[in-house]
Every structure is written in C-alpha cells, then in structure tokens.
Amino acid sequence: MIGTIIAKKIARRSYDAINRGDLAAIMANWDSDANFTYPGSISVSGTRKGKREIEAWFKHFIEAIPIRTFNPLSICVENIFDLVGNNTVSVQWDNRPVNKYGEEFYVRGVTVSIIRRGKIVDATTYVLDYQLLPRLWGEETG
C-alpha cells in the first residue's frame, strides 16, 4: 500500500509540473537512459531515447502548447507493496490544452510508465483522440 501512495503522489506532482511548464521538475523524474514514446505520425511522434532527447521533446511541447491542464483521472499502480521505487504506473488523464495559435482542444489519453529505482526508465503515451494531434501541435491548421 505504501508503494501505491508514493507512486500516486509522484504521478500527480509530475502532471502538476507539466501543467506549470516546469522543465526541471518534469525531468527530475527521468532516468538518464530512459525512453519516451509518443503516438501519431507527426514530427514529435515516435520514441525519444535518453534524458537529453526527452527534455528537448518536453521543451518543444511547452512551447507548442503553452496552456496545459492535465487532470489525472485514474492512477493505477502495479506493485502496491513496492518500497524501492520499482513499479509500473498507468495514468488515465484528460487535458484541455490551448496551442500556440490559441486553438482550444479536449484530449484524453493514458500514459504507462515503468519506474526503476524511483526514476522513469520507459514511458508510452496513448492518445485516444490522436486525429487532433497535428492541429494541436500546429502542424496542420484549419
């Protein structure tokens, strides 16, 4: 149970940091050799390898989508008894972002993070409304 409490608290703090655009706080949770996978077929899609690439991705995210209001709806933790920081955490979220062109969106998704020794080593985001991604990121207007 303590593993669940700790993991949920870290997940909530992570989404708060993303909403604030606090790049240092976002990156504090990532392992130096981590992988991050984002869906779709736009320039930001695919897998970023290593903390440097992931940090560049989040920096671009903050610039392209200056208003983010992630709301963790459900946080599921695989190992409720974890005390050493090894776990898998899945967060179902919604977000009402506004891109750099002032367009408002409603986006829903799930992010699954594998955590080792208290740091994210692998995370994959699944966006339910993926058809919105090109407009959200400003790669398609209309």
N, C-alpha and C. Protein backbone atom coordinates (compact mmCIF):
# COMPACT_ATOMS: atom_id res chain seq x y z
N MET A 1 0.80 -1.21 0.00
CA MET A 1 0.00 0.00 0.00
C MET A 1 0.84 1.27 0.00
N ILE A 2 1.96 1.23 0.68
CA ILE A 2 2.79 2.43 0.72
C ILE A 2 3.35 2.73 -0.67
N GLY A 3 3.64 1.67 -1.45
CA GLY A 3 4.10 1.87 -2.82
C GLY A 3 3.09 2.61 -3.66
N THR A 4 1.82 2.31 -3.44
CA THR A 4 0.75 2.98 -4.17
C THR A 4 0.68 4.46 -3.79
N ILE A 5 0.75 4.75 -2.53
CA ILE A 5 0.67 6.13 -2.06
C ILE A 5 1.81 6.96 -2.64
N ILE A 6 3.03 6.41 -2.58
CA ILE A 6 4.20 7.13 -3.10
C ILE A 6 4.09 7.33 -4.61
N ALA A 7 3.75 6.27 -5.34
CA ALA A 7 3.67 6.36 -6.81
C ALA A 7 2.59 7.34 -7.25
N LYS A 8 1.45 7.32 -6.59
CA LYS A 8 0.37 8.24 -6.96
C LYS A 8 0.75 9.70 -6.67
N LYS A 9 1.44 9.92 -5.57
CA LYS A 9 1.87 11.27 -5.22
C LYS A 9 2.87 11.80 -6.26
N ILE A 10 3.82 10.97 -6.66
CA ILE A 10 4.81 11.37 -7.67
C ILE A 10 4.12 11.63 -9.01
N ALA A 11 3.17 10.78 -9.39
CA ALA A 11 2.45 10.97 -10.65
C ALA A 11 1.70 12.30 -10.66
N ARG A 12 1.00 12.59 -9.59
CA ARG A 12 0.26 13.87 -9.52
C ARG A 12 1.21 15.07 -9.60
N ARG A 13 2.32 14.98 -8.88
CA ARG A 13 3.32 16.07 -8.93
C ARG A 13 3.89 16.23 -10.33
N SER A 14 4.07 15.13 -11.03
CA SER A 14 4.60 15.18 -12.39
C SER A 14 3.64 15.91 -13.33
N TYR A 15 2.36 15.61 -13.22
CA TYR A 15 1.38 16.30 -14.07
C TYR A 15 1.24 17.77 -13.68
N ASP A 16 1.37 18.07 -12.41
CA ASP A 16 1.37 19.48 -11.99
C ASP A 16 2.55 20.22 -12.61
N ALA A 17 3.72 19.57 -12.63
CA ALA A 17 4.92 20.19 -13.22
C ALA A 17 4.72 20.41 -14.72
N ILE A 18 4.11 19.46 -15.40
CA ILE A 18 3.84 19.63 -16.83
C ILE A 18 2.89 20.80 -17.03
N ASN A 19 1.85 20.88 -16.22
CA ASN A 19 0.89 21.99 -16.35
C ASN A 19 1.57 23.35 -16.12
N ARG A 20 2.52 23.41 -15.20
CA ARG A 20 3.24 24.66 -14.92
C ARG A 20 4.32 24.96 -15.96
N GLY A 21 4.69 23.94 -16.72
CA GLY A 21 5.79 24.11 -17.67
C GLY A 21 7.14 24.12 -16.99
N ASP A 22 7.25 23.46 -15.85
CA ASP A 22 8.47 23.42 -15.06
C ASP A 22 9.36 22.28 -15.55
N LEU A 23 10.19 22.59 -16.54
CA LEU A 23 11.01 21.58 -17.19
C LEU A 23 11.94 20.85 -16.22
N ALA A 24 12.54 21.57 -15.28
CA ALA A 24 13.44 20.94 -14.31
C ALA A 24 12.70 19.93 -13.45
N ALA A 25 11.50 20.28 -13.00
CA ALA A 25 10.71 19.35 -12.18
C ALA A 25 10.24 18.15 -12.99
N ILE A 26 9.90 18.38 -14.26
CA ILE A 26 9.50 17.25 -15.12
C ILE A 26 10.65 16.27 -15.26
N MET A 27 11.83 16.78 -15.58
CA MET A 27 12.97 15.93 -15.87
C MET A 27 13.58 15.28 -14.63
N ALA A 28 13.27 15.79 -13.46
CA ALA A 28 13.80 15.19 -12.22
C ALA A 28 13.35 13.75 -12.04
N ASN A 29 12.27 13.37 -12.68
CA ASN A 29 11.72 12.02 -12.52
C ASN A 29 12.24 11.01 -13.53
N TRP A 30 13.08 11.44 -14.48
CA TRP A 30 13.52 10.58 -15.58
C TRP A 30 14.93 10.05 -15.36
N ASP A 31 15.14 8.78 -15.70
CA ASP A 31 16.45 8.16 -15.69
C ASP A 31 17.25 8.67 -16.89
N SER A 32 18.55 8.72 -16.79
CA SER A 32 19.38 9.25 -17.87
C SER A 32 19.28 8.43 -19.16
N ASP A 33 18.95 7.15 -19.06
CA ASP A 33 18.85 6.28 -20.24
C ASP A 33 17.40 5.94 -20.60
N ALA A 34 16.46 6.74 -20.17
CA ALA A 34 15.04 6.45 -20.37
C ALA A 34 14.63 6.53 -21.83
N ASN A 35 13.47 5.94 -22.11
CA ASN A 35 12.81 6.04 -23.41
C ASN A 35 11.43 6.65 -23.21
N PHE A 36 11.00 7.46 -24.18
CA PHE A 36 9.66 8.05 -24.15
C PHE A 36 9.06 7.91 -25.54
N THR A 37 7.86 7.33 -25.62
CA THR A 37 7.19 7.10 -26.89
C THR A 37 5.89 7.89 -26.92
N TYR A 38 5.70 8.63 -28.03
CA TYR A 38 4.51 9.46 -28.23
C TYR A 38 3.85 9.02 -29.53
N PRO A 39 2.52 8.97 -29.57
CA PRO A 39 1.83 8.40 -30.73
C PRO A 39 1.75 9.35 -31.93
N GLY A 40 1.25 8.80 -33.01
CA GLY A 40 0.93 9.58 -34.18
C GLY A 40 1.98 9.50 -35.27
N SER A 41 1.80 10.36 -36.26
CA SER A 41 2.72 10.39 -37.40
C SER A 41 3.11 11.83 -37.72
N ILE A 42 3.37 12.59 -36.66
CA ILE A 42 3.81 13.97 -36.81
C ILE A 42 5.26 14.07 -36.33
N SER A 43 5.82 15.25 -36.39
CA SER A 43 7.25 15.40 -36.09
C SER A 43 7.62 14.99 -34.66
N VAL A 44 6.70 15.10 -33.72
CA VAL A 44 7.00 14.76 -32.32
C VAL A 44 6.68 13.32 -31.97
N SER A 45 6.16 12.57 -32.93
CA SER A 45 5.81 11.16 -32.70
C SER A 45 7.06 10.29 -32.69
N GLY A 46 6.90 9.10 -32.11
CA GLY A 46 8.00 8.15 -32.09
C GLY A 46 8.63 8.06 -30.72
N THR A 47 9.79 7.45 -30.67
CA THR A 47 10.48 7.21 -29.41
C THR A 47 11.70 8.11 -29.28
N ARG A 48 11.78 8.77 -28.14
CA ARG A 48 12.95 9.58 -27.78
C ARG A 48 13.77 8.75 -26.80
N LYS A 49 15.07 8.70 -27.03
CA LYS A 49 15.95 7.87 -26.20
C LYS A 49 16.94 8.75 -25.45
N GLY A 50 16.96 8.58 -24.14
CA GLY A 50 17.88 9.34 -23.30
C GLY A 50 17.26 10.63 -22.79
N LYS A 51 17.72 11.03 -21.65
CA LYS A 51 17.17 12.20 -20.97
C LYS A 51 17.29 13.47 -21.80
N ARG A 52 18.37 13.62 -22.54
CA ARG A 52 18.57 14.82 -23.36
C ARG A 52 17.49 14.95 -24.43
N GLU A 53 17.18 13.85 -25.15
CA GLU A 53 16.14 13.88 -26.18
C GLU A 53 14.76 14.09 -25.57
N ILE A 54 14.52 13.47 -24.43
CA ILE A 54 13.22 13.60 -23.76
C ILE A 54 13.03 15.04 -23.28
N GLU A 55 14.08 15.62 -22.73
CA GLU A 55 14.00 17.01 -22.28
C GLU A 55 13.72 17.95 -23.46
N ALA A 56 14.36 17.70 -24.61
CA ALA A 56 14.10 18.52 -25.80
C ALA A 56 12.65 18.38 -26.25
N TRP A 57 12.11 17.17 -26.15
CA TRP A 57 10.72 16.93 -26.52
C TRP A 57 9.80 17.75 -25.62
N PHE A 58 10.00 17.67 -24.31
CA PHE A 58 9.15 18.41 -23.38
C PHE A 58 9.30 19.93 -23.56
N LYS A 59 10.50 20.39 -23.84
CA LYS A 59 10.70 21.82 -24.09
C LYS A 59 9.87 22.27 -25.29
N HIS A 60 9.91 21.48 -26.35
CA HIS A 60 9.11 21.79 -27.55
C HIS A 60 7.62 21.71 -27.22
N PHE A 61 7.22 20.74 -26.42
CA PHE A 61 5.82 20.58 -26.00
C PHE A 61 5.33 21.83 -25.28
N ILE A 62 6.13 22.33 -24.35
CA ILE A 62 5.77 23.52 -23.58
C ILE A 62 5.64 24.74 -24.49
N GLU A 63 6.51 24.85 -25.47
CA GLU A 63 6.46 25.98 -26.41
C GLU A 63 5.27 25.87 -27.37
N ALA A 64 5.03 24.68 -27.90
CA ALA A 64 3.97 24.48 -28.89
C ALA A 64 2.58 24.51 -28.27
N ILE A 65 2.50 24.10 -27.00
CA ILE A 65 1.21 24.02 -26.32
C ILE A 65 1.36 24.75 -24.98
N PRO A 66 1.27 26.09 -25.01
CA PRO A 66 1.59 26.87 -23.82
C PRO A 66 0.59 26.73 -22.67
N ILE A 67 -0.62 26.30 -22.95
CA ILE A 67 -1.59 26.07 -21.88
C ILE A 67 -1.91 24.58 -21.84
N ARG A 68 -1.61 23.98 -20.70
CA ARG A 68 -1.86 22.55 -20.48
C ARG A 68 -2.60 22.40 -19.17
N THR A 69 -3.64 21.62 -19.17
CA THR A 69 -4.41 21.41 -17.93
C THR A 69 -4.66 19.92 -17.72
N PHE A 70 -3.58 19.17 -17.64
CA PHE A 70 -3.71 17.73 -17.43
C PHE A 70 -4.41 17.47 -16.10
N ASN A 71 -5.35 16.56 -16.14
CA ASN A 71 -6.09 16.14 -14.97
C ASN A 71 -5.99 14.62 -14.87
N PRO A 72 -5.19 14.10 -13.94
CA PRO A 72 -5.13 12.64 -13.76
C PRO A 72 -6.47 12.12 -13.23
N LEU A 73 -7.15 11.32 -14.04
CA LEU A 73 -8.47 10.80 -13.66
C LEU A 73 -8.36 9.52 -12.86
N SER A 74 -7.40 8.70 -13.24
CA SER A 74 -7.21 7.41 -12.58
C SER A 74 -5.73 7.07 -12.62
N ILE A 75 -5.19 6.67 -11.47
CA ILE A 75 -3.79 6.27 -11.39
C ILE A 75 -3.75 4.84 -10.87
N CYS A 76 -3.21 3.94 -11.69
CA CYS A 76 -3.14 2.52 -11.32
C CYS A 76 -1.68 2.14 -11.12
N VAL A 77 -1.42 1.42 -10.05
CA VAL A 77 -0.06 1.04 -9.68
C VAL A 77 0.01 -0.48 -9.63
N GLU A 78 0.98 -1.05 -10.34
CA GLU A 78 1.10 -2.50 -10.42
C GLU A 78 1.50 -3.14 -9.09
N ASN A 79 2.55 -2.62 -8.44
CA ASN A 79 3.08 -3.24 -7.23
C ASN A 79 2.74 -2.36 -6.03
N ILE A 80 1.64 -2.69 -5.36
CA ILE A 80 1.19 -1.85 -4.25
C ILE A 80 2.11 -1.92 -3.03
N PHE A 81 2.96 -2.93 -2.99
CA PHE A 81 3.85 -3.10 -1.84
C PHE A 81 5.27 -2.61 -2.10
N ASP A 82 5.51 -1.98 -3.24
CA ASP A 82 6.85 -1.51 -3.60
C ASP A 82 7.37 -0.51 -2.57
N LEU A 83 8.61 -0.73 -2.15
CA LEU A 83 9.27 0.19 -1.23
C LEU A 83 10.60 0.72 -1.80
N VAL A 84 11.01 0.20 -2.97
CA VAL A 84 12.31 0.58 -3.52
C VAL A 84 12.21 1.39 -4.80
N GLY A 85 11.00 1.69 -5.24
CA GLY A 85 10.83 2.51 -6.44
C GLY A 85 10.85 1.75 -7.74
N ASN A 86 10.46 0.48 -7.71
CA ASN A 86 10.34 -0.33 -8.93
C ASN A 86 8.87 -0.62 -9.14
N ASN A 87 8.30 -0.05 -10.21
CA ASN A 87 6.87 -0.18 -10.39
C ASN A 87 6.47 0.14 -11.82
N THR A 88 5.22 -0.13 -12.12
CA THR A 88 4.61 0.32 -13.36
C THR A 88 3.39 1.13 -12.97
N VAL A 89 3.30 2.35 -13.49
CA VAL A 89 2.22 3.26 -13.14
C VAL A 89 1.51 3.66 -14.42
N SER A 90 0.19 3.50 -14.43
CA SER A 90 -0.63 3.91 -15.57
C SER A 90 -1.54 5.05 -15.13
N VAL A 91 -1.53 6.12 -15.90
CA VAL A 91 -2.34 7.29 -15.57
C VAL A 91 -3.31 7.56 -16.72
N GLN A 92 -4.59 7.48 -16.42
CA GLN A 92 -5.61 7.92 -17.38
C GLN A 92 -5.82 9.40 -17.11
N TRP A 93 -5.77 10.22 -18.16
CA TRP A 93 -5.83 11.66 -17.98
C TRP A 93 -6.71 12.30 -19.03
N ASP A 94 -7.14 13.52 -18.72
CA ASP A 94 -7.70 14.38 -19.76
C ASP A 94 -6.98 15.71 -19.67
N ASN A 95 -7.10 16.49 -20.74
CA ASN A 95 -6.34 17.72 -20.85
C ASN A 95 -7.15 18.67 -21.73
N ARG A 96 -7.17 19.92 -21.35
CA ARG A 96 -7.82 20.95 -22.17
C ARG A 96 -6.76 21.97 -22.59
N PRO A 97 -5.88 21.54 -23.52
CA PRO A 97 -4.77 22.41 -23.92
C PRO A 97 -5.21 23.50 -24.89
N VAL A 98 -4.37 24.53 -24.94
CA VAL A 98 -4.51 25.60 -25.93
C VAL A 98 -3.15 25.69 -26.61
N ASN A 99 -3.14 25.56 -27.94
CA ASN A 99 -1.86 25.60 -28.65
C ASN A 99 -1.39 27.04 -28.85
N LYS A 100 -0.23 27.17 -29.46
CA LYS A 100 0.38 28.50 -29.63
C LYS A 100 -0.42 29.40 -30.56
N TYR A 101 -1.40 28.85 -31.28
CA TYR A 101 -2.27 29.65 -32.14
C TYR A 101 -3.58 30.03 -31.45
N GLY A 102 -3.72 29.67 -30.18
CA GLY A 102 -4.91 30.00 -29.41
C GLY A 102 -6.07 29.03 -29.61
N GLU A 103 -5.83 27.92 -30.31
CA GLU A 103 -6.89 26.92 -30.51
C GLU A 103 -7.04 26.06 -29.26
N GLU A 104 -8.26 25.85 -28.83
CA GLU A 104 -8.56 25.04 -27.66
C GLU A 104 -8.93 23.62 -28.08
N PHE A 105 -8.53 22.66 -27.26
CA PHE A 105 -8.77 21.25 -27.54
C PHE A 105 -9.24 20.53 -26.28
N TYR A 106 -9.78 19.35 -26.48
CA TYR A 106 -10.05 18.42 -25.39
C TYR A 106 -9.41 17.10 -25.80
N VAL A 107 -8.43 16.65 -25.03
CA VAL A 107 -7.66 15.47 -25.38
C VAL A 107 -7.69 14.51 -24.19
N ARG A 108 -7.83 13.22 -24.51
CA ARG A 108 -7.83 12.19 -23.47
C ARG A 108 -6.77 11.15 -23.80
N GLY A 109 -6.22 10.53 -22.76
CA GLY A 109 -5.23 9.50 -23.01
C GLY A 109 -4.80 8.76 -21.78
N VAL A 110 -3.80 7.92 -21.98
CA VAL A 110 -3.21 7.11 -20.92
C VAL A 110 -1.70 7.14 -21.11
N THR A 111 -0.99 7.28 -20.03
CA THR A 111 0.46 7.16 -20.07
C THR A 111 0.87 6.04 -19.12
N VAL A 112 1.67 5.12 -19.64
CA VAL A 112 2.17 3.99 -18.85
C VAL A 112 3.67 4.20 -18.65
N SER A 113 4.08 4.24 -17.39
CA SER A 113 5.49 4.48 -17.06
C SER A 113 6.05 3.31 -16.27
N ILE A 114 7.22 2.87 -16.69
CA ILE A 114 7.96 1.85 -15.95
C ILE A 114 9.02 2.58 -15.13
N ILE A 115 9.03 2.30 -13.84
CA ILE A 115 9.90 3.02 -12.91
C ILE A 115 10.87 2.03 -12.27
N ARG A 116 12.13 2.39 -12.27
CA ARG A 116 13.16 1.59 -11.62
C ARG A 116 13.98 2.52 -10.73
N ARG A 117 14.16 2.10 -9.49
CA ARG A 117 14.93 2.89 -8.50
C ARG A 117 14.43 4.33 -8.43
N GLY A 118 13.12 4.51 -8.56
CA GLY A 118 12.49 5.81 -8.39
C GLY A 118 12.52 6.72 -9.61
N LYS A 119 13.04 6.24 -10.74
CA LYS A 119 13.12 7.06 -11.96
C LYS A 119 12.39 6.36 -13.10
N ILE A 120 11.78 7.15 -13.97
CA ILE A 120 11.11 6.59 -15.14
C ILE A 120 12.18 6.10 -16.11
N VAL A 121 12.08 4.82 -16.50
CA VAL A 121 13.02 4.27 -17.48
C VAL A 121 12.34 4.09 -18.84
N ASP A 122 11.03 4.03 -18.85
CA ASP A 122 10.29 3.89 -20.09
C ASP A 122 8.87 4.41 -19.89
N ALA A 123 8.41 5.24 -20.81
CA ALA A 123 7.04 5.74 -20.74
C ALA A 123 6.46 5.77 -22.15
N THR A 124 5.21 5.37 -22.24
CA THR A 124 4.48 5.40 -23.51
C THR A 124 3.17 6.12 -23.27
N THR A 125 2.90 7.09 -24.13
CA THR A 125 1.64 7.82 -24.07
C THR A 125 0.74 7.34 -25.20
N TYR A 126 -0.51 7.09 -24.86
CA TYR A 126 -1.54 6.71 -25.82
C TYR A 126 -2.58 7.82 -25.81
N VAL A 127 -2.85 8.42 -26.96
CA VAL A 127 -3.83 9.49 -27.05
C VAL A 127 -5.06 8.94 -27.75
N LEU A 128 -6.20 9.01 -27.07
CA LEU A 128 -7.43 8.47 -27.63
C LEU A 128 -7.90 9.25 -28.84
N ASP A 129 -7.72 10.54 -28.81
CA ASP A 129 -8.19 11.42 -29.88
C ASP A 129 -7.00 11.81 -30.76
N TYR A 130 -6.24 10.83 -31.21
CA TYR A 130 -4.99 11.08 -31.92
C TYR A 130 -5.16 11.89 -33.20
N GLN A 131 -6.35 11.89 -33.79
CA GLN A 131 -6.58 12.67 -35.00
C GLN A 131 -6.44 14.17 -34.74
N LEU A 132 -6.51 14.59 -33.48
CA LEU A 132 -6.34 16.00 -33.13
C LEU A 132 -4.87 16.43 -33.07
N LEU A 133 -3.96 15.49 -33.00
CA LEU A 133 -2.56 15.81 -32.74
C LEU A 133 -1.93 16.77 -33.75
N PRO A 134 -2.13 16.60 -35.07
CA PRO A 134 -1.49 17.55 -35.99
C PRO A 134 -1.93 19.00 -35.73
N ARG A 135 -3.22 19.24 -35.50
CA ARG A 135 -3.68 20.61 -35.22
C ARG A 135 -3.21 21.09 -33.86
N LEU A 136 -3.26 20.21 -32.86
CA LEU A 136 -2.82 20.58 -31.52
C LEU A 136 -1.37 21.06 -31.55
N TRP A 137 -0.52 20.36 -32.25
CA TRP A 137 0.90 20.69 -32.31
C TRP A 137 1.22 21.77 -33.34
N GLY A 138 0.21 22.25 -34.03
CA GLY A 138 0.44 23.32 -35.00
C GLY A 138 1.03 22.86 -36.30
N GLU A 139 0.92 21.56 -36.59
CA GLU A 139 1.46 21.02 -37.85
C GLU A 139 0.40 20.97 -38.94
N GLU A 140 -0.81 21.32 -38.57
CA GLU A 140 -1.92 21.40 -39.53
C GLU A 140 -2.84 22.48 -39.03
N THR A 141 -3.23 23.38 -39.85
CA THR A 141 -4.15 24.42 -39.43
C THR A 141 -5.50 24.20 -40.07
N GLY A 142 -6.50 24.78 -39.49
CA GLY A 142 -7.82 24.65 -40.08
C GLY A 142 -8.81 24.74 -39.07
